[in-house]
Amino acid sequence: MGPRGIQLLAILLVLGLWAPARAQKPSPCRCSRITPQKRENCGFPGITSDQCFASGCCFDSNFAGVPWCFHPLPKQESEECVMEVSARRNCGYPGISPEECASRKCCFSDNIVDVPWCFFPISVQDCHY
């Protein structure tokens, strides 16, 4: 391989290392449980579903006037625990421990104040793209 070939190989290697890694497509529950009015834009006008999913975002073009490519709900330990905060139904009491919550077969997340930290799970049967 000549000097020109080595230069080309070096450029391709640098570009390959610089290119962002493809994000993982979010789970159906992380996308379908967001009400359309609460979607936060994650794309640009004309984005395709493949481009949107490659960015790690959700895509749903069934509703006009809201973003079609949008950020998913945060990951949870179990898909049954993925939901908007407003959908949480209390399963515990203030100060409940994660262990006590789990013993009740409920979900626990203490990263948002003034909402139930221990809450009932939701069936994953309604999750779809």
N, C-alpha and C. Protein backbone atom coordinates (compact mmCIF):
# COMPACT_ATOMS: atom_id res chain seq x y z
N MET A 1 0.86 -1.17 0.00
CA MET A 1 0.00 0.00 0.00
C MET A 1 0.91 1.23 0.00
N GLY A 2 0.61 2.15 -0.91
CA GLY A 2 1.41 3.36 -1.05
C GLY A 2 1.03 4.43 -0.04
N PRO A 3 1.77 5.54 -0.06
CA PRO A 3 1.49 6.64 0.88
C PRO A 3 0.05 7.18 0.75
N ARG A 4 -0.45 7.23 -0.47
CA ARG A 4 -1.82 7.73 -0.69
C ARG A 4 -2.84 6.78 -0.03
N GLY A 5 -2.63 5.48 -0.16
CA GLY A 5 -3.51 4.50 0.46
C GLY A 5 -3.49 4.58 1.98
N ILE A 6 -2.32 4.80 2.53
CA ILE A 6 -2.19 4.92 3.99
C ILE A 6 -2.92 6.17 4.48
N GLN A 7 -2.80 7.29 3.73
CA GLN A 7 -3.50 8.52 4.10
C GLN A 7 -5.02 8.30 4.10
N LEU A 8 -5.49 7.64 3.04
CA LEU A 8 -6.93 7.37 2.94
C LEU A 8 -7.40 6.48 4.07
N LEU A 9 -6.62 5.46 4.39
CA LEU A 9 -6.96 4.57 5.50
C LEU A 9 -6.99 5.32 6.82
N ALA A 10 -6.04 6.22 7.05
CA ALA A 10 -5.99 7.02 8.28
C ALA A 10 -7.21 7.92 8.38
N ILE A 11 -7.60 8.54 7.27
CA ILE A 11 -8.78 9.42 7.28
C ILE A 11 -10.03 8.62 7.60
N LEU A 12 -10.18 7.47 6.96
CA LEU A 12 -11.35 6.63 7.23
C LEU A 12 -11.38 6.18 8.69
N LEU A 13 -10.24 5.85 9.25
CA LEU A 13 -10.16 5.43 10.65
C LEU A 13 -10.58 6.57 11.57
N VAL A 14 -10.08 7.77 11.32
CA VAL A 14 -10.43 8.93 12.15
C VAL A 14 -11.93 9.22 12.05
N LEU A 15 -12.47 9.20 10.84
CA LEU A 15 -13.91 9.44 10.67
C LEU A 15 -14.74 8.37 11.35
N GLY A 16 -14.30 7.14 11.29
CA GLY A 16 -15.02 6.05 11.95
C GLY A 16 -15.03 6.19 13.46
N LEU A 17 -13.93 6.66 14.02
CA LEU A 17 -13.86 6.87 15.47
C LEU A 17 -14.65 8.09 15.89
N TRP A 18 -14.73 9.09 15.01
CA TRP A 18 -15.41 10.32 15.35
C TRP A 18 -16.93 10.19 15.24
N ALA A 19 -17.40 9.36 14.32
CA ALA A 19 -18.84 9.23 14.10
C ALA A 19 -19.52 8.75 15.37
N PRO A 20 -20.63 9.35 15.76
CA PRO A 20 -21.32 8.92 16.98
C PRO A 20 -21.87 7.50 16.82
N ALA A 21 -21.83 6.79 17.90
CA ALA A 21 -22.37 5.42 17.90
C ALA A 21 -23.89 5.48 17.78
N ARG A 22 -24.47 4.51 17.12
CA ARG A 22 -25.93 4.46 17.00
C ARG A 22 -26.53 4.21 18.38
N ALA A 23 -27.50 5.04 18.69
CA ALA A 23 -28.20 4.86 19.96
C ALA A 23 -29.14 3.67 19.84
N GLN A 24 -29.53 3.16 20.97
CA GLN A 24 -30.44 2.02 21.00
C GLN A 24 -31.88 2.50 20.93
N LYS A 25 -32.68 1.80 20.14
CA LYS A 25 -34.11 2.12 20.02
C LYS A 25 -34.77 1.92 21.38
N PRO A 26 -35.52 2.92 21.88
CA PRO A 26 -36.16 2.77 23.20
C PRO A 26 -37.23 1.68 23.18
N SER A 27 -37.53 1.15 24.35
CA SER A 27 -38.55 0.11 24.46
C SER A 27 -39.92 0.71 24.16
N PRO A 28 -40.88 -0.11 23.71
CA PRO A 28 -42.23 0.41 23.41
C PRO A 28 -42.87 1.13 24.59
N CYS A 29 -42.69 0.64 25.81
CA CYS A 29 -43.32 1.29 26.96
C CYS A 29 -42.78 2.69 27.18
N ARG A 30 -41.50 2.89 26.91
CA ARG A 30 -40.90 4.21 27.11
C ARG A 30 -41.42 5.21 26.09
N CYS A 31 -42.03 4.74 25.01
CA CYS A 31 -42.55 5.63 23.97
C CYS A 31 -44.07 5.77 24.04
N SER A 32 -44.77 4.66 24.17
CA SER A 32 -46.24 4.69 24.06
C SER A 32 -46.94 5.24 25.29
N ARG A 33 -46.25 5.36 26.39
CA ARG A 33 -46.91 5.84 27.62
C ARG A 33 -46.77 7.35 27.85
N ILE A 34 -46.25 8.06 26.86
CA ILE A 34 -46.16 9.52 26.96
C ILE A 34 -47.39 10.10 26.25
N THR A 35 -48.12 10.95 26.93
CA THR A 35 -49.26 11.60 26.27
C THR A 35 -48.69 12.55 25.21
N PRO A 36 -49.36 12.64 24.05
CA PRO A 36 -48.82 13.46 22.96
C PRO A 36 -48.49 14.90 23.37
N GLN A 37 -49.30 15.49 24.24
CA GLN A 37 -49.08 16.88 24.64
C GLN A 37 -47.81 17.06 25.49
N LYS A 38 -47.27 15.99 26.04
CA LYS A 38 -46.09 16.09 26.90
C LYS A 38 -44.81 15.67 26.18
N ARG A 39 -44.89 15.45 24.88
CA ARG A 39 -43.71 15.04 24.12
C ARG A 39 -42.71 16.19 24.04
N GLU A 40 -41.42 15.84 24.21
CA GLU A 40 -40.34 16.80 24.05
C GLU A 40 -39.60 16.47 22.76
N ASN A 41 -39.51 17.45 21.86
CA ASN A 41 -38.94 17.25 20.54
C ASN A 41 -37.52 16.69 20.60
N CYS A 42 -37.26 15.73 19.71
CA CYS A 42 -35.96 15.07 19.67
C CYS A 42 -35.42 15.02 18.24
N GLY A 43 -36.07 15.72 17.33
CA GLY A 43 -35.65 15.64 15.94
C GLY A 43 -35.75 16.96 15.23
N PHE A 44 -35.93 16.88 13.93
CA PHE A 44 -36.02 18.05 13.08
C PHE A 44 -37.15 17.81 12.09
N PRO A 45 -37.68 18.86 11.47
CA PRO A 45 -38.77 18.67 10.51
C PRO A 45 -38.35 17.71 9.39
N GLY A 46 -39.19 16.75 9.11
CA GLY A 46 -38.92 15.79 8.05
C GLY A 46 -38.10 14.58 8.46
N ILE A 47 -37.77 14.45 9.75
CA ILE A 47 -36.98 13.31 10.21
C ILE A 47 -37.76 12.01 9.94
N THR A 48 -37.05 10.97 9.55
CA THR A 48 -37.70 9.68 9.32
C THR A 48 -37.71 8.88 10.63
N SER A 49 -38.52 7.86 10.67
CA SER A 49 -38.57 7.02 11.88
C SER A 49 -37.22 6.35 12.11
N ASP A 50 -36.54 5.92 11.04
CA ASP A 50 -35.22 5.29 11.20
C ASP A 50 -34.21 6.26 11.78
N GLN A 51 -34.21 7.51 11.30
CA GLN A 51 -33.29 8.51 11.83
C GLN A 51 -33.60 8.80 13.30
N CYS A 52 -34.87 8.87 13.62
CA CYS A 52 -35.30 9.15 14.98
C CYS A 52 -34.88 8.03 15.94
N PHE A 53 -35.19 6.79 15.56
CA PHE A 53 -34.81 5.64 16.39
C PHE A 53 -33.30 5.54 16.53
N ALA A 54 -32.55 5.87 15.46
CA ALA A 54 -31.09 5.82 15.51
C ALA A 54 -30.53 6.83 16.51
N SER A 55 -31.31 7.86 16.83
CA SER A 55 -30.91 8.86 17.83
C SER A 55 -31.31 8.45 19.24
N GLY A 56 -31.96 7.29 19.37
CA GLY A 56 -32.40 6.83 20.68
C GLY A 56 -33.72 7.44 21.10
N CYS A 57 -34.48 7.94 20.12
CA CYS A 57 -35.74 8.61 20.42
C CYS A 57 -36.93 7.79 19.92
N CYS A 58 -38.12 8.23 20.27
CA CYS A 58 -39.37 7.59 19.89
C CYS A 58 -39.93 8.29 18.65
N PHE A 59 -40.71 7.55 17.85
CA PHE A 59 -41.34 8.13 16.66
C PHE A 59 -42.78 7.67 16.59
N ASP A 60 -43.70 8.64 16.43
CA ASP A 60 -45.13 8.34 16.27
C ASP A 60 -45.75 9.49 15.50
N SER A 61 -46.18 9.23 14.28
CA SER A 61 -46.74 10.28 13.43
C SER A 61 -48.27 10.27 13.42
N ASN A 62 -48.90 9.66 14.40
CA ASN A 62 -50.36 9.55 14.43
C ASN A 62 -51.06 10.80 14.93
N PHE A 63 -50.34 11.77 15.47
CA PHE A 63 -50.97 12.96 16.05
C PHE A 63 -50.39 14.21 15.40
N ALA A 64 -51.27 15.11 14.96
CA ALA A 64 -50.84 16.39 14.38
C ALA A 64 -50.59 17.41 15.49
N GLY A 65 -49.71 18.35 15.22
CA GLY A 65 -49.49 19.45 16.15
C GLY A 65 -48.59 19.13 17.33
N VAL A 66 -47.98 17.96 17.35
CA VAL A 66 -47.05 17.57 18.42
C VAL A 66 -45.81 16.96 17.76
N PRO A 67 -44.68 16.94 18.47
CA PRO A 67 -43.49 16.32 17.87
C PRO A 67 -43.73 14.85 17.54
N TRP A 68 -43.27 14.45 16.37
CA TRP A 68 -43.35 13.04 15.97
C TRP A 68 -42.13 12.28 16.44
N CYS A 69 -41.01 12.94 16.55
CA CYS A 69 -39.78 12.35 17.09
C CYS A 69 -39.57 13.00 18.45
N PHE A 70 -39.60 12.19 19.50
CA PHE A 70 -39.60 12.75 20.85
C PHE A 70 -38.80 11.89 21.81
N HIS A 71 -38.37 12.52 22.91
CA HIS A 71 -37.58 11.83 23.92
C HIS A 71 -38.43 10.79 24.65
N PRO A 72 -37.86 9.61 24.92
CA PRO A 72 -38.60 8.57 25.64
C PRO A 72 -38.67 8.87 27.14
N LEU A 73 -39.56 8.16 27.82
CA LEU A 73 -39.59 8.21 29.28
C LEU A 73 -38.30 7.59 29.81
N PRO A 74 -37.88 7.95 31.02
CA PRO A 74 -36.64 7.38 31.57
C PRO A 74 -36.73 5.87 31.75
N LYS A 75 -35.59 5.21 31.63
CA LYS A 75 -35.53 3.76 31.86
C LYS A 75 -35.85 3.48 33.32
N GLN A 76 -36.48 2.35 33.55
CA GLN A 76 -36.76 1.88 34.90
C GLN A 76 -36.23 0.45 35.01
N GLU A 77 -36.17 -0.06 36.22
CA GLU A 77 -35.69 -1.42 36.43
C GLU A 77 -36.56 -2.44 35.70
N SER A 78 -37.86 -2.17 35.65
CA SER A 78 -38.81 -3.07 34.99
C SER A 78 -39.66 -2.26 34.02
N GLU A 79 -40.00 -2.84 32.89
CA GLU A 79 -40.87 -2.16 31.93
C GLU A 79 -42.22 -1.82 32.54
N GLU A 80 -42.67 -2.60 33.50
CA GLU A 80 -43.96 -2.33 34.16
C GLU A 80 -43.92 -1.04 34.97
N CYS A 81 -42.72 -0.53 35.23
CA CYS A 81 -42.57 0.68 36.05
C CYS A 81 -42.37 1.94 35.21
N VAL A 82 -42.31 1.79 33.89
CA VAL A 82 -42.15 2.94 33.01
C VAL A 82 -43.49 3.62 32.84
N MET A 83 -43.58 4.88 33.28
CA MET A 83 -44.83 5.64 33.15
C MET A 83 -44.57 7.10 33.46
N GLU A 84 -45.48 7.96 33.02
CA GLU A 84 -45.38 9.36 33.39
C GLU A 84 -45.62 9.47 34.89
N VAL A 85 -45.01 10.46 35.49
CA VAL A 85 -45.14 10.65 36.94
C VAL A 85 -46.61 10.82 37.32
N SER A 86 -47.38 11.50 36.48
CA SER A 86 -48.80 11.73 36.79
C SER A 86 -49.61 10.44 36.80
N ALA A 87 -49.07 9.36 36.22
CA ALA A 87 -49.79 8.07 36.19
C ALA A 87 -49.49 7.21 37.42
N ARG A 88 -48.56 7.63 38.26
CA ARG A 88 -48.22 6.83 39.44
C ARG A 88 -49.37 6.77 40.42
N ARG A 89 -49.69 5.54 40.88
CA ARG A 89 -50.68 5.32 41.94
C ARG A 89 -49.92 4.83 43.17
N ASN A 90 -50.07 5.53 44.26
CA ASN A 90 -49.30 5.27 45.47
C ASN A 90 -49.48 3.83 45.96
N CYS A 91 -48.37 3.20 46.30
CA CYS A 91 -48.37 1.83 46.79
C CYS A 91 -47.67 1.75 48.15
N GLY A 92 -47.35 2.90 48.71
CA GLY A 92 -46.60 2.88 49.96
C GLY A 92 -46.97 4.02 50.87
N TYR A 93 -45.97 4.54 51.52
CA TYR A 93 -46.15 5.64 52.46
C TYR A 93 -44.87 6.48 52.45
N PRO A 94 -44.93 7.73 52.92
CA PRO A 94 -43.72 8.56 52.93
C PRO A 94 -42.57 7.88 53.68
N GLY A 95 -41.42 7.85 53.06
CA GLY A 95 -40.24 7.26 53.70
C GLY A 95 -40.09 5.76 53.50
N ILE A 96 -40.95 5.14 52.71
CA ILE A 96 -40.86 3.70 52.49
C ILE A 96 -39.50 3.37 51.86
N SER A 97 -38.95 2.25 52.24
CA SER A 97 -37.65 1.83 51.69
C SER A 97 -37.87 1.09 50.36
N PRO A 98 -36.85 1.05 49.52
CA PRO A 98 -36.97 0.28 48.28
C PRO A 98 -37.29 -1.20 48.55
N GLU A 99 -36.75 -1.75 49.62
CA GLU A 99 -36.98 -3.15 49.95
C GLU A 99 -38.44 -3.39 50.35
N GLU A 100 -39.00 -2.51 51.18
CA GLU A 100 -40.40 -2.64 51.60
C GLU A 100 -41.32 -2.48 50.39
N CYS A 101 -40.98 -1.55 49.52
CA CYS A 101 -41.77 -1.33 48.30
C CYS A 101 -41.74 -2.59 47.43
N ALA A 102 -40.56 -3.17 47.24
CA ALA A 102 -40.43 -4.39 46.43
C ALA A 102 -41.20 -5.55 47.05
N SER A 103 -41.24 -5.61 48.39
CA SER A 103 -41.98 -6.69 49.04
C SER A 103 -43.48 -6.58 48.76
N ARG A 104 -43.93 -5.39 48.42
CA ARG A 104 -45.34 -5.18 48.04
C ARG A 104 -45.55 -5.41 46.53
N LYS A 105 -44.49 -5.82 45.84
CA LYS A 105 -44.50 -6.03 44.39
C LYS A 105 -44.83 -4.75 43.64
N CYS A 106 -44.25 -3.64 44.13
CA CYS A 106 -44.45 -2.34 43.52
C CYS A 106 -43.14 -1.78 42.98
N CYS A 107 -43.24 -0.67 42.27
CA CYS A 107 -42.09 -0.01 41.67
C CYS A 107 -41.56 1.06 42.62
N PHE A 108 -40.27 1.33 42.58
CA PHE A 108 -39.68 2.35 43.43
C PHE A 108 -38.77 3.25 42.61
N SER A 109 -38.96 4.55 42.73
CA SER A 109 -38.09 5.54 42.12
C SER A 109 -38.17 6.81 42.95
N ASP A 110 -37.03 7.20 43.52
CA ASP A 110 -37.02 8.37 44.40
C ASP A 110 -36.31 9.57 43.79
N ASN A 111 -36.26 9.64 42.46
CA ASN A 111 -35.52 10.74 41.84
C ASN A 111 -36.36 11.99 41.60
N ILE A 112 -37.65 11.98 41.93
CA ILE A 112 -38.51 13.15 41.79
C ILE A 112 -39.22 13.38 43.12
N VAL A 113 -39.15 14.60 43.63
CA VAL A 113 -39.79 14.90 44.91
C VAL A 113 -41.27 15.19 44.72
N ASP A 114 -42.03 15.09 45.80
CA ASP A 114 -43.46 15.41 45.84
C ASP A 114 -44.33 14.53 44.94
N VAL A 115 -43.89 13.30 44.67
CA VAL A 115 -44.69 12.31 43.96
C VAL A 115 -44.49 10.98 44.68
N PRO A 116 -45.39 10.03 44.49
CA PRO A 116 -45.18 8.72 45.12
C PRO A 116 -43.88 8.07 44.63
N TRP A 117 -43.06 7.63 45.57
CA TRP A 117 -41.82 6.93 45.23
C TRP A 117 -42.08 5.44 45.09
N CYS A 118 -43.07 4.94 45.78
CA CYS A 118 -43.46 3.53 45.68
C CYS A 118 -44.82 3.53 45.01
N PHE A 119 -44.90 2.90 43.82
CA PHE A 119 -46.13 2.99 43.04
C PHE A 119 -46.41 1.67 42.33
N PHE A 120 -47.70 1.47 42.03
CA PHE A 120 -48.14 0.23 41.40
C PHE A 120 -47.62 0.14 39.97
N PRO A 121 -47.23 -1.06 39.55
CA PRO A 121 -46.79 -1.24 38.16
C PRO A 121 -47.99 -1.24 37.21
N ILE A 122 -47.70 -1.10 35.92
CA ILE A 122 -48.72 -1.14 34.87
C ILE A 122 -48.35 -2.28 33.93
N SER A 123 -49.33 -3.02 33.48
CA SER A 123 -49.08 -4.15 32.56
C SER A 123 -48.37 -3.67 31.31
N VAL A 124 -47.46 -4.48 30.81
CA VAL A 124 -46.74 -4.12 29.58
C VAL A 124 -47.52 -4.55 28.33
N GLN A 125 -48.67 -5.15 28.48
CA GLN A 125 -49.45 -5.59 27.32
C GLN A 125 -49.90 -4.44 26.44
N ASP A 126 -50.02 -3.24 27.02
CA ASP A 126 -50.49 -2.09 26.23
C ASP A 126 -49.36 -1.34 25.56
N CYS A 127 -48.13 -1.82 25.67
CA CYS A 127 -46.98 -1.13 25.08
C CYS A 127 -46.78 -1.60 23.65
N HIS A 128 -46.69 -0.65 22.73
CA HIS A 128 -46.50 -0.96 21.32
C HIS A 128 -45.89 0.24 20.62
N TYR A 129 -45.30 0.00 19.47
CA TYR A 129 -44.78 1.10 18.65
C TYR A 129 -45.86 1.56 17.72
